[in-house]
C-alpha atoms as a PDB file:
ATOM      1  CA  UNK A   1     -23.043 -30.121 -13.797  1.00  0.00           C
ATOM      2  CA  UNK A   2     -20.061 -30.451 -15.955  1.00  0.00           C
ATOM      3  CA  UNK A   3     -19.026 -26.842 -15.112  1.00  0.00           C
ATOM      4  CA  UNK A   4     -19.420 -27.407 -11.392  1.00  0.00           C
ATOM      5  CA  UNK A   5     -17.251 -30.521 -11.786  1.00  0.00           C
ATOM      6  CA  UNK A   6     -14.816 -29.065 -13.926  1.00  0.00           C
ATOM      7  CA  UNK A   7     -14.384 -25.934 -11.259  1.00  0.00           C
ATOM      8  CA  UNK A   8     -14.160 -28.885  -8.565  1.00  0.00           C
ATOM      9  CA  UNK A   9     -11.366 -30.699 -10.558  1.00  0.00           C
ATOM     10  CA  UNK A  10      -9.495 -27.548 -11.156  1.00  0.00           C
ATOM     11  CA  UNK A  11      -9.636 -26.265  -7.266  1.00  0.00           C
ATOM     12  CA  UNK A  12      -8.421 -29.844  -6.351  1.00  0.00           C
ATOM     13  CA  UNK A  13      -5.430 -29.168  -8.734  1.00  0.00           C
ATOM     14  CA  UNK A  14      -4.531 -25.773  -7.890  1.00  0.00           C
ATOM     15  CA  UNK A  15      -2.122 -24.633  -5.536  1.00  0.00           C
ATOM     16  CA  UNK A  16      -3.257 -21.478  -3.888  1.00  0.00           C
ATOM     17  CA  UNK A  17      -0.709 -19.132  -1.837  1.00  0.00           C
ATOM     18  CA  UNK A  18      -1.223 -19.189   1.833  1.00  0.00           C
ATOM     19  CA  UNK A  19      -0.310 -17.420   4.741  1.00  0.00           C
ATOM     20  CA  UNK A  20       3.115 -18.664   6.606  1.00  0.00           C
ATOM     21  CA  UNK A  21       3.741 -18.929  10.397  1.00  0.00           C
ATOM     22  CA  UNK A  22       5.643 -15.904  10.466  1.00  0.00           C
ATOM     23  CA  UNK A  23       7.904 -15.313  13.392  1.00  0.00           C
ATOM     24  CA  UNK A  24       7.131 -12.040  15.459  1.00  0.00           C
ATOM     25  CA  UNK A  25      11.184 -11.980  16.514  1.00  0.00           C
ATOM     26  CA  UNK A  26      13.774  -9.954  14.337  1.00  0.00           C
ATOM     27  CA  UNK A  27      15.008 -11.368  11.417  1.00  0.00           C
ATOM     28  CA  UNK A  28      18.532 -12.966  11.679  1.00  0.00           C
ATOM     29  CA  UNK A  29      20.911 -12.494   8.965  1.00  0.00           C
ATOM     30  CA  UNK A  30      24.340 -14.132   8.036  1.00  0.00           C
ATOM     31  CA  UNK A  31      27.239 -13.623   6.132  1.00  0.00           C
ATOM     32  CA  UNK A  32      27.227 -15.353   2.665  1.00  0.00           C
ATOM     33  CA  UNK A  33      29.414 -15.970  -0.020  1.00  0.00           C
ATOM     34  CA  UNK A  34      31.794 -12.782  -0.900  1.00  0.00           C
ATOM     35  CA  UNK A  35      30.715 -11.137   2.534  1.00  0.00           C
ATOM     36  CA  UNK A  36      26.874 -10.430   1.467  1.00  0.00           C
ATOM     37  CA  UNK A  37      24.470 -10.566   4.415  1.00  0.00           C
ATOM     38  CA  UNK A  38      21.832 -13.034   4.011  1.00  0.00           C
ATOM     39  CA  UNK A  39      18.770 -14.476   5.383  1.00  0.00           C
ATOM     40  CA  UNK A  40      18.979 -16.971   8.170  1.00  0.00           C
ATOM     41  CA  UNK A  41      17.384 -20.065   5.960  1.00  0.00           C
ATOM     42  CA  UNK A  42      15.867 -21.274   9.398  1.00  0.00           C
ATOM     43  CA  UNK A  43      13.660 -18.171   9.572  1.00  0.00           C
ATOM     44  CA  UNK A  44      12.478 -18.260   5.735  1.00  0.00           C
ATOM     45  CA  UNK A  45       8.844 -18.873   5.203  1.00  0.00           C
ATOM     46  CA  UNK A  46       7.970 -22.596   4.673  1.00  0.00           C
ATOM     47  CA  UNK A  47       4.804 -21.678   2.861  1.00  0.00           C
ATOM     48  CA  UNK A  48       4.355 -19.132  -0.163  1.00  0.00           C
ATOM     49  CA  UNK A  49       4.430 -15.312   0.507  1.00  0.00           C
ATOM     50  CA  UNK A  50       3.734 -13.009  -2.411  1.00  0.00           C
ATOM     51  CA  UNK A  51       5.241  -9.414  -1.218  1.00  0.00           C
ATOM     52  CA  UNK A  52       3.626  -6.377  -3.656  1.00  0.00           C
ATOM     53  CA  UNK A  53       5.482  -3.027  -3.331  1.00  0.00           C
ATOM     54  CA  UNK A  54       3.738   0.038  -5.401  1.00  0.00           C
ATOM     55  CA  UNK A  55       6.474   2.390  -7.153  1.00  0.00           C
ATOM     56  CA  UNK A  56       6.040   5.813  -5.990  1.00  0.00           C
ATOM     57  CA  UNK A  57       4.021   4.939  -3.202  1.00  0.00           C
ATOM     58  CA  UNK A  58       5.459   5.435   0.430  1.00  0.00           C
ATOM     59  CA  UNK A  59       2.960   2.825   2.019  1.00  0.00           C
ATOM     60  CA  UNK A  60       4.742   0.346  -0.388  1.00  0.00           C
ATOM     61  CA  UNK A  61       8.166   1.180  -0.873  1.00  0.00           C
ATOM     62  CA  UNK A  62      11.121  -1.409  -1.110  1.00  0.00           C
ATOM     63  CA  UNK A  63      12.810   0.156   2.192  1.00  0.00           C
ATOM     64  CA  UNK A  64       9.803  -1.268   4.264  1.00  0.00           C
ATOM     65  CA  UNK A  65      10.292  -4.740   3.115  1.00  0.00           C
ATOM     66  CA  UNK A  66      12.126  -7.862   5.115  1.00  0.00           C
ATOM     67  CA  UNK A  67      13.044  -9.699   1.979  1.00  0.00           C
ATOM     68  CA  UNK A  68      13.579 -12.740   4.607  1.00  0.00           C
ATOM     69  CA  UNK A  69       9.532 -12.751   5.027  1.00  0.00           C
ATOM     70  CA  UNK A  70       8.871 -13.361   1.430  1.00  0.00           C
ATOM     71  CA  UNK A  71       8.964 -15.892  -0.915  1.00  0.00           C
ATOM     72  CA  UNK A  72       8.217 -13.845  -4.009  1.00  0.00           C
ATOM     73  CA  UNK A  73       8.055 -10.469  -5.012  1.00  0.00           C
ATOM     74  CA  UNK A  74       6.000  -8.432  -7.400  1.00  0.00           C
ATOM     75  CA  UNK A  75       8.109  -5.494  -7.967  1.00  0.00           C
ATOM     76  CA  UNK A  76       6.800  -3.784 -11.160  1.00  0.00           C
ATOM     77  CA  UNK A  77       3.625  -3.331 -12.950  1.00  0.00           C
ATOM     78  CA  UNK A  78       2.969  -3.542 -17.200  1.00  0.00           C
ATOM     79  CA  UNK A  79      -0.619  -2.886 -18.359  1.00  0.00           C
ATOM     80  CA  UNK A  80      -2.097  -4.082 -21.646  1.00  0.00           C
ATOM     81  CA  UNK A  81      -4.314  -1.334 -23.312  1.00  0.00           C
ATOM     82  CA  UNK A  82      -7.472  -1.823 -25.048  1.00  0.00           C
ATOM     83  CA  UNK A  83      -5.815  -2.161 -28.494  1.00  0.00           C
ATOM     84  CA  UNK A  84      -3.299  -4.902 -26.876  1.00  0.00           C
ATOM     85  CA  UNK A  85      -0.414  -2.166 -27.028  1.00  0.00           C
ATOM     86  CA  UNK A  86       1.492  -1.769 -23.527  1.00  0.00           C
ATOM     87  CA  UNK A  87       1.535   0.989 -21.300  1.00  0.00           C
ATOM     88  CA  UNK A  88       4.985   1.817 -19.541  1.00  0.00           C
ATOM     89  CA  UNK A  89       6.692  -0.754 -17.317  1.00  0.00           C
ATOM     90  CA  UNK A  90       6.535   1.046 -13.958  1.00  0.00           C
ATOM     91  CA  UNK A  91       8.924  -0.864 -11.628  1.00  0.00           C
ATOM     92  CA  UNK A  92      11.129  -0.393  -8.493  1.00  0.00           C
ATOM     93  CA  UNK A  93      14.351   1.127  -8.279  1.00  0.00           C
ATOM     94  CA  UNK A  94      16.670  -1.916  -9.747  1.00  0.00           C
ATOM     95  CA  UNK A  95      19.589  -1.279  -7.215  1.00  0.00           C
ATOM     96  CA  UNK A  96      17.404  -1.649  -4.235  1.00  0.00           C
ATOM     97  CA  UNK A  97      15.920  -4.592  -5.879  1.00  0.00           C
ATOM     98  CA  UNK A  98      19.166  -6.554  -6.435  1.00  0.00           C
ATOM     99  CA  UNK A  99      20.042  -5.254  -2.685  1.00  0.00           C
ATOM    100  CA  UNK A 100      17.042  -7.409  -1.524  1.00  0.00           C
ATOM    101  CA  UNK A 101      17.901 -10.343  -3.459  1.00  0.00           C
ATOM    102  CA  UNK A 102      21.353 -10.701  -2.509  1.00  0.00           C
ATOM    103  CA  UNK A 103      20.068 -10.800   1.327  1.00  0.00           C
ATOM    104  CA  UNK A 104      17.221 -13.445   0.183  1.00  0.00           C
ATOM    105  CA  UNK A 105      18.829 -15.870  -2.910  1.00  0.00           C
ATOM    106  CA  UNK A 106      15.546 -17.519  -3.140  1.00  0.00           C
ATOM    107  CA  UNK A 107      13.521 -14.649  -3.493  1.00  0.00           C
ATOM    108  CA  UNK A 108      11.518 -14.894  -6.706  1.00  0.00           C
ATOM    109  CA  UNK A 109      11.257 -11.573  -8.595  1.00  0.00           C
ATOM    110  CA  UNK A 110       7.684 -11.291 -10.801  1.00  0.00           C
ATOM    111  CA  UNK A 111       6.321  -8.736 -12.649  1.00  0.00           C
ATOM    112  CA  UNK A 112       2.571  -7.897 -12.463  1.00  0.00           C
ATOM    113  CA  UNK A 113       0.577  -7.887 -15.863  1.00  0.00           C
ATOM    114  CA  UNK A 114      -3.058  -6.010 -16.015  1.00  0.00           C
ATOM    115  CA  UNK A 115      -5.303  -5.381 -18.697  1.00  0.00           C
ATOM    116  CA  UNK A 116      -5.755  -8.431 -20.562  1.00  0.00           C
ATOM    117  CA  UNK A 117      -9.271  -8.766 -19.310  1.00  0.00           C
ATOM    118  CA  UNK A 118     -10.115  -5.111 -20.736  1.00  0.00           C
ATOM    119  CA  UNK A 119      -9.386  -5.873 -24.338  1.00  0.00           C
ATOM    120  CA  UNK A 120     -11.339  -4.008 -26.838  1.00  0.00           C
ATOM    121  CA  UNK A 121     -11.720  -7.213 -29.087  1.00  0.00           C
ATOM    122  CA  UNK A 122     -10.861 -10.856 -28.175  1.00  0.00           C
ATOM    123  CA  UNK A 123      -7.595 -11.536 -29.478  1.00  0.00           C
ATOM    124  CA  UNK A 124      -6.670 -14.236 -31.911  1.00  0.00           C
ATOM    125  CA  UNK A 125      -4.066 -17.070 -30.912  1.00  0.00           C
ATOM    126  CA  UNK A 126      -1.163 -14.824 -33.360  1.00  0.00           C
ATOM    127  CA  UNK A 127      -2.272 -11.812 -31.350  1.00  0.00           C
ATOM    128  CA  UNK A 128      -1.306 -13.348 -28.183  1.00  0.00           C
ATOM    129  CA  UNK A 129       1.683 -14.916 -29.101  1.00  0.00           C
ATOM    130  CA  UNK A 130       2.979 -11.472 -30.223  1.00  0.00           C
ATOM    131  CA  UNK A 131       2.059  -9.956 -27.064  1.00  0.00           C
ATOM    132  CA  UNK A 132       3.690 -12.625 -25.313  1.00  0.00           C
ATOM    133  CA  UNK A 133       7.178 -10.954 -27.226  1.00  0.00           C
ATOM    134  CA  UNK A 134       6.247  -7.847 -26.572  1.00  0.00           C
ATOM    135  CA  UNK A 135       5.758  -8.501 -22.684  1.00  0.00           C
ATOM    136  CA  UNK A 136       9.009 -10.527 -22.245  1.00  0.00           C
ATOM    137  CA  UNK A 137      10.975  -7.646 -24.150  1.00  0.00           C
ATOM    138  CA  UNK A 138       9.712  -5.046 -22.252  1.00  0.00           C
ATOM    139  CA  UNK A 139      10.572  -6.724 -18.454  1.00  0.00           C
ATOM    140  CA  UNK A 140      13.577  -8.707 -19.745  1.00  0.00           C
ATOM    141  CA  UNK A 141      16.318  -6.108 -18.491  1.00  0.00           C
ATOM    142  CA  UNK A 142      14.870  -6.176 -14.814  1.00  0.00           C
ATOM    143  CA  UNK A 143      15.289 -10.127 -15.088  1.00  0.00           C
ATOM    144  CA  UNK A 144      12.113 -11.125 -13.562  1.00  0.00           C
ATOM    145  CA  UNK A 145      11.574 -15.007 -12.649  1.00  0.00           C
ATOM    146  CA  UNK A 146       7.850 -14.784 -13.125  1.00  0.00           C
ATOM    147  CA  UNK A 147       4.585 -13.403 -14.207  1.00  0.00           C
ATOM    148  CA  UNK A 148       1.539 -12.103 -12.169  1.00  0.00           C
ATOM    149  CA  UNK A 149      -1.686 -12.067 -14.078  1.00  0.00           C
ATOM    150  CA  UNK A 150      -4.560  -9.856 -12.884  1.00  0.00           C
ATOM    151  CA  UNK A 151      -7.400 -10.940 -14.431  1.00  0.00           C
ATOM    152  CA  UNK A 152     -10.119 -10.278 -12.151  1.00  0.00           C
ATOM    153  CA  UNK A 153     -12.631  -9.148 -14.676  1.00  0.00           C
ATOM    154  CA  UNK A 154     -13.507  -5.653 -12.794  1.00  0.00           C
ATOM    155  CA  UNK A 155     -16.383  -3.713 -14.616  1.00  0.00           C
ATOM    156  CA  UNK A 156     -16.652  -6.589 -17.375  1.00  0.00           C
ATOM    157  CA  UNK A 157     -20.045  -7.283 -18.572  1.00  0.00           C
ATOM    158  CA  UNK A 158     -20.953 -10.927 -18.289  1.00  0.00           C
ATOM    159  CA  UNK A 159     -21.569 -11.673 -21.815  1.00  0.00           C
ATOM    160  CA  UNK A 160     -18.044  -9.911 -22.775  1.00  0.00           C
ATOM    161  CA  UNK A 161     -16.097 -11.903 -20.144  1.00  0.00           C
ATOM    162  CA  UNK A 162     -17.938 -15.083 -21.317  1.00  0.00           C
ATOM    163  CA  UNK A 163     -16.680 -14.274 -25.199  1.00  0.00           C
ATOM    164  CA  UNK A 164     -13.006 -13.728 -23.555  1.00  0.00           C
ATOM    165  CA  UNK A 165     -13.299 -16.968 -21.524  1.00  0.00           C
ATOM    166  CA  UNK A 166     -10.600 -18.747 -23.689  1.00  0.00           C
ATOM    167  CA  UNK A 167      -8.013 -15.380 -23.873  1.00  0.00           C
ATOM    168  CA  UNK A 168      -6.242 -16.033 -20.631  1.00  0.00           C
ATOM    169  CA  UNK A 169      -5.494 -19.564 -20.858  1.00  0.00           C
ATOM    170  CA  UNK A 170      -4.394 -18.988 -24.889  1.00  0.00           C
ATOM    171  CA  UNK A 171      -2.110 -16.196 -23.007  1.00  0.00           C
ATOM    172  CA  UNK A 172      -0.761 -18.453 -20.485  1.00  0.00           C
ATOM    173  CA  UNK A 173      -0.177 -21.267 -22.827  1.00  0.00           C
ATOM    174  CA  UNK A 174       1.824 -19.215 -25.369  1.00  0.00           C
ATOM    175  CA  UNK A 175       3.635 -17.404 -22.197  1.00  0.00           C
ATOM    176  CA  UNK A 176       4.949 -20.684 -21.202  1.00  0.00           C
ATOM    177  CA  UNK A 177       5.823 -22.266 -24.586  1.00  0.00           C
ATOM    178  CA  UNK A 178       7.476 -18.745 -26.186  1.00  0.00           C
ATOM    179  CA  UNK A 179       8.387 -16.679 -23.580  1.00  0.00           C
ATOM    180  CA  UNK A 180      12.338 -16.360 -23.289  1.00  0.00           C
ATOM    181  CA  UNK A 181      12.146 -16.272 -19.470  1.00  0.00           C
ATOM    182  CA  UNK A 182      13.358 -20.025 -18.142  1.00  0.00           C
ATOM    183  CA  UNK A 183      11.189 -21.680 -16.230  1.00  0.00           C
ATOM    184  CA  UNK A 184       9.156 -18.784 -15.284  1.00  0.00           C
ATOM    185  CA  UNK A 185       6.753 -19.055 -12.516  1.00  0.00           C
ATOM    186  CA  UNK A 186       3.327 -18.008 -13.413  1.00  0.00           C
ATOM    187  CA  UNK A 187       0.290 -17.137 -10.965  1.00  0.00           C
ATOM    188  CA  UNK A 188      -3.381 -15.309 -11.839  1.00  0.00           C
ATOM    189  CA  UNK A 189      -5.309 -13.949  -9.640  1.00  0.00           C
ATOM    190  CA  UNK A 190      -9.247 -14.362 -10.347  1.00  0.00           C
ATOM    191  CA  UNK A 191     -12.329 -12.751 -10.059  1.00  0.00           C
ATOM    192  CA  UNK A 192     -13.986 -12.747  -6.457  1.00  0.00           C
ATOM    193  CA  UNK A 193     -17.615 -13.337  -7.578  1.00  0.00           C
ATOM    194  CA  UNK A 194     -19.068 -16.744  -7.442  1.00  0.00           C
ATOM    195  CA  UNK A 195     -21.008 -16.417 -10.736  1.00  0.00           C
ATOM    196  CA  UNK A 196     -17.706 -15.651 -12.471  1.00  0.00           C
ATOM    197  CA  UNK A 197     -15.347 -17.767 -10.963  1.00  0.00           C
ATOM    198  CA  UNK A 198     -17.955 -20.827 -12.072  1.00  0.00           C
ATOM    199  CA  UNK A 199     -18.427 -19.531 -15.621  1.00  0.00           C
ATOM    200  CA  UNK A 200     -15.591 -16.979 -16.796  1.00  0.00           C
ATOM    201  CA  UNK A 201     -12.726 -19.069 -16.708  1.00  0.00           C
ATOM    202  CA  UNK A 202     -11.310 -22.185 -18.349  1.00  0.00           C
ATOM    203  CA  UNK A 203      -9.643 -23.944 -15.359  1.00  0.00           C
ATOM    204  CA  UNK A 204      -8.624 -26.877 -17.247  1.00  0.00           C
ATOM    205  CA  UNK A 205      -6.569 -24.668 -19.500  1.00  0.00           C
ATOM    206  CA  UNK A 206      -5.303 -22.505 -16.375  1.00  0.00           C
ATOM    207  CA  UNK A 207      -4.060 -25.160 -14.263  1.00  0.00           C
ATOM    208  CA  UNK A 208      -1.706 -26.727 -16.700  1.00  0.00           C
ATOM    209  CA  UNK A 209      -0.065 -23.349 -17.401  1.00  0.00           C
ATOM    210  CA  UNK A 210      -0.374 -21.452 -13.891  1.00  0.00           C
ATOM    211  CA  UNK A 211       1.744 -22.565 -10.994  1.00  0.00           C
ATOM    212  CA  UNK A 212      -0.791 -20.522  -8.711  1.00  0.00           C
ATOM    213  CA  UNK A 213      -3.981 -19.560  -9.115  1.00  0.00           C
ATOM    214  CA  UNK A 214      -5.388 -16.530  -6.360  1.00  0.00           C
ATOM    215  CA  UNK A 215      -8.774 -16.156  -4.718  1.00  0.00           C
ATOM    216  CA  UNK A 216      -9.083 -12.372  -3.673  1.00  0.00           C
ATOM    217  CA  UNK A 217      -9.342 -12.500  -0.123  1.00  0.00           C
ATOM    218  CA  UNK A 218      -8.075  -9.528   2.320  1.00  0.00           C
ATOM    219  CA  UNK A 219      -7.418  -6.266   0.423  1.00  0.00           C
ATOM    220  CA  UNK A 220      -4.560  -3.994   2.140  1.00  0.00           C
ATOM    221  CA  UNK A 221      -3.692  -1.610  -0.117  1.00  0.00           C
ATOM    222  CA  UNK A 222      -7.110   0.877  -0.447  1.00  0.00           C
ATOM    223  CA  UNK A 223      -6.861   4.006   0.336  1.00  0.00           C
ATOM    224  CA  UNK A 224      -6.706   3.511   3.812  1.00  0.00           C
ATOM    225  CA  UNK A 225      -3.888   1.389   4.472  1.00  0.00           C
ATOM    226  CA  UNK A 226      -4.066   1.197   8.263  1.00  0.00           C
ATOM    227  CA  UNK A 227      -7.156  -1.042   7.426  1.00  0.00           C
ATOM    228  CA  UNK A 228      -7.786  -4.026   5.608  1.00  0.00           C
ATOM    229  CA  UNK A 229     -10.751  -4.663   3.481  1.00  0.00           C
ATOM    230  CA  UNK A 230     -12.134  -8.225   2.921  1.00  0.00           C
ATOM    231  CA  UNK A 231     -13.721  -8.468  -0.532  1.00  0.00           C
ATOM    232  CA  UNK A 232     -14.135 -12.288  -0.976  1.00  0.00           C
ATOM    233  CA  UNK A 233     -15.279 -14.123   2.149  1.00  0.00           C
ATOM    234  CA  UNK A 234     -15.272 -17.689   2.032  1.00  0.00           C
ATOM    235  CA  UNK A 235     -19.042 -17.768   2.389  1.00  0.00           C
ATOM    236  CA  UNK A 236     -19.248 -15.486  -0.620  1.00  0.00           C
ATOM    237  CA  UNK A 237     -21.525 -12.157  -1.297  1.00  0.00           C
ATOM    238  CA  UNK A 238     -25.024 -11.868   0.346  1.00  0.00           C
ATOM    239  CA  UNK A 239     -27.019 -14.291  -1.588  1.00  0.00           C
ATOM    240  CA  UNK A 240     -24.777 -16.220  -3.568  1.00  0.00           C
ATOM    241  CA  UNK A 241     -23.773 -18.588  -0.742  1.00  0.00           C
ATOM    242  CA  UNK A 242     -24.957 -21.606  -2.349  1.00  0.00           C
ATOM    243  CA  UNK A 243     -23.115 -20.869  -5.389  1.00  0.00           C
ATOM    244  CA  UNK A 244     -19.745 -20.268  -3.524  1.00  0.00           C
ATOM    245  CA  UNK A 245     -19.970 -23.680  -1.657  1.00  0.00           C
ATOM    246  CA  UNK A 246     -20.897 -25.475  -4.809  1.00  0.00           C
ATOM    247  CA  UNK A 247     -17.181 -24.621  -6.193  1.00  0.00           C
ATOM    248  CA  UNK A 248     -15.303 -25.686  -2.997  1.00  0.00           C
ATOM    249  CA  UNK A 249     -13.977 -29.248  -2.863  1.00  0.00           C
END
């Protein structure tokens, strides 16, 4: 019961990204300061809309993106390795990114962080604080304003997930306190499986350090871009309907 109450309280406090009422009419632009062409404010989304690009994937290239339809843009990915070292920071062309930011000065550029849920050993507080510094240093040249942490626990053993339960909250706490990024926007994507959502996340800590907590819904980035997969329907997976309903407010 205590765990259920904690989840219910957390869900009530969490701000979820939701789909906007997007106009189907072409986006209007107007000239701003210095002659830059900017989005018409009346057509900007009234709700949070996160756009993703994937460097090297022609289906998710910056050239296909209308910046006036987005409030946030995840433009690069940084991978945490099993030993807490960092892989290469893969990101979009910065010149093209800056053009989008000129069109929409309100756009919040963000970096995606992956792999923290697949570390070999549970990191100590000191190790997480050091990781924050390495992450901040790696992404600083691209001037992001936020961090999007993918912590879906794909393929992670349940017992391991339970042992690592405090890791995400502690990392975000250090990021909030010690990252040189000024007032960063922080979002987290959690697992789609109800039993993991119920037990593998410290939501009391997460809601203090994350601006958005995202539950996977439609997936548009699998191997067939013309189709959308729905991995996490609100009624949950078969046999888990009761568990899913129990975490909804």
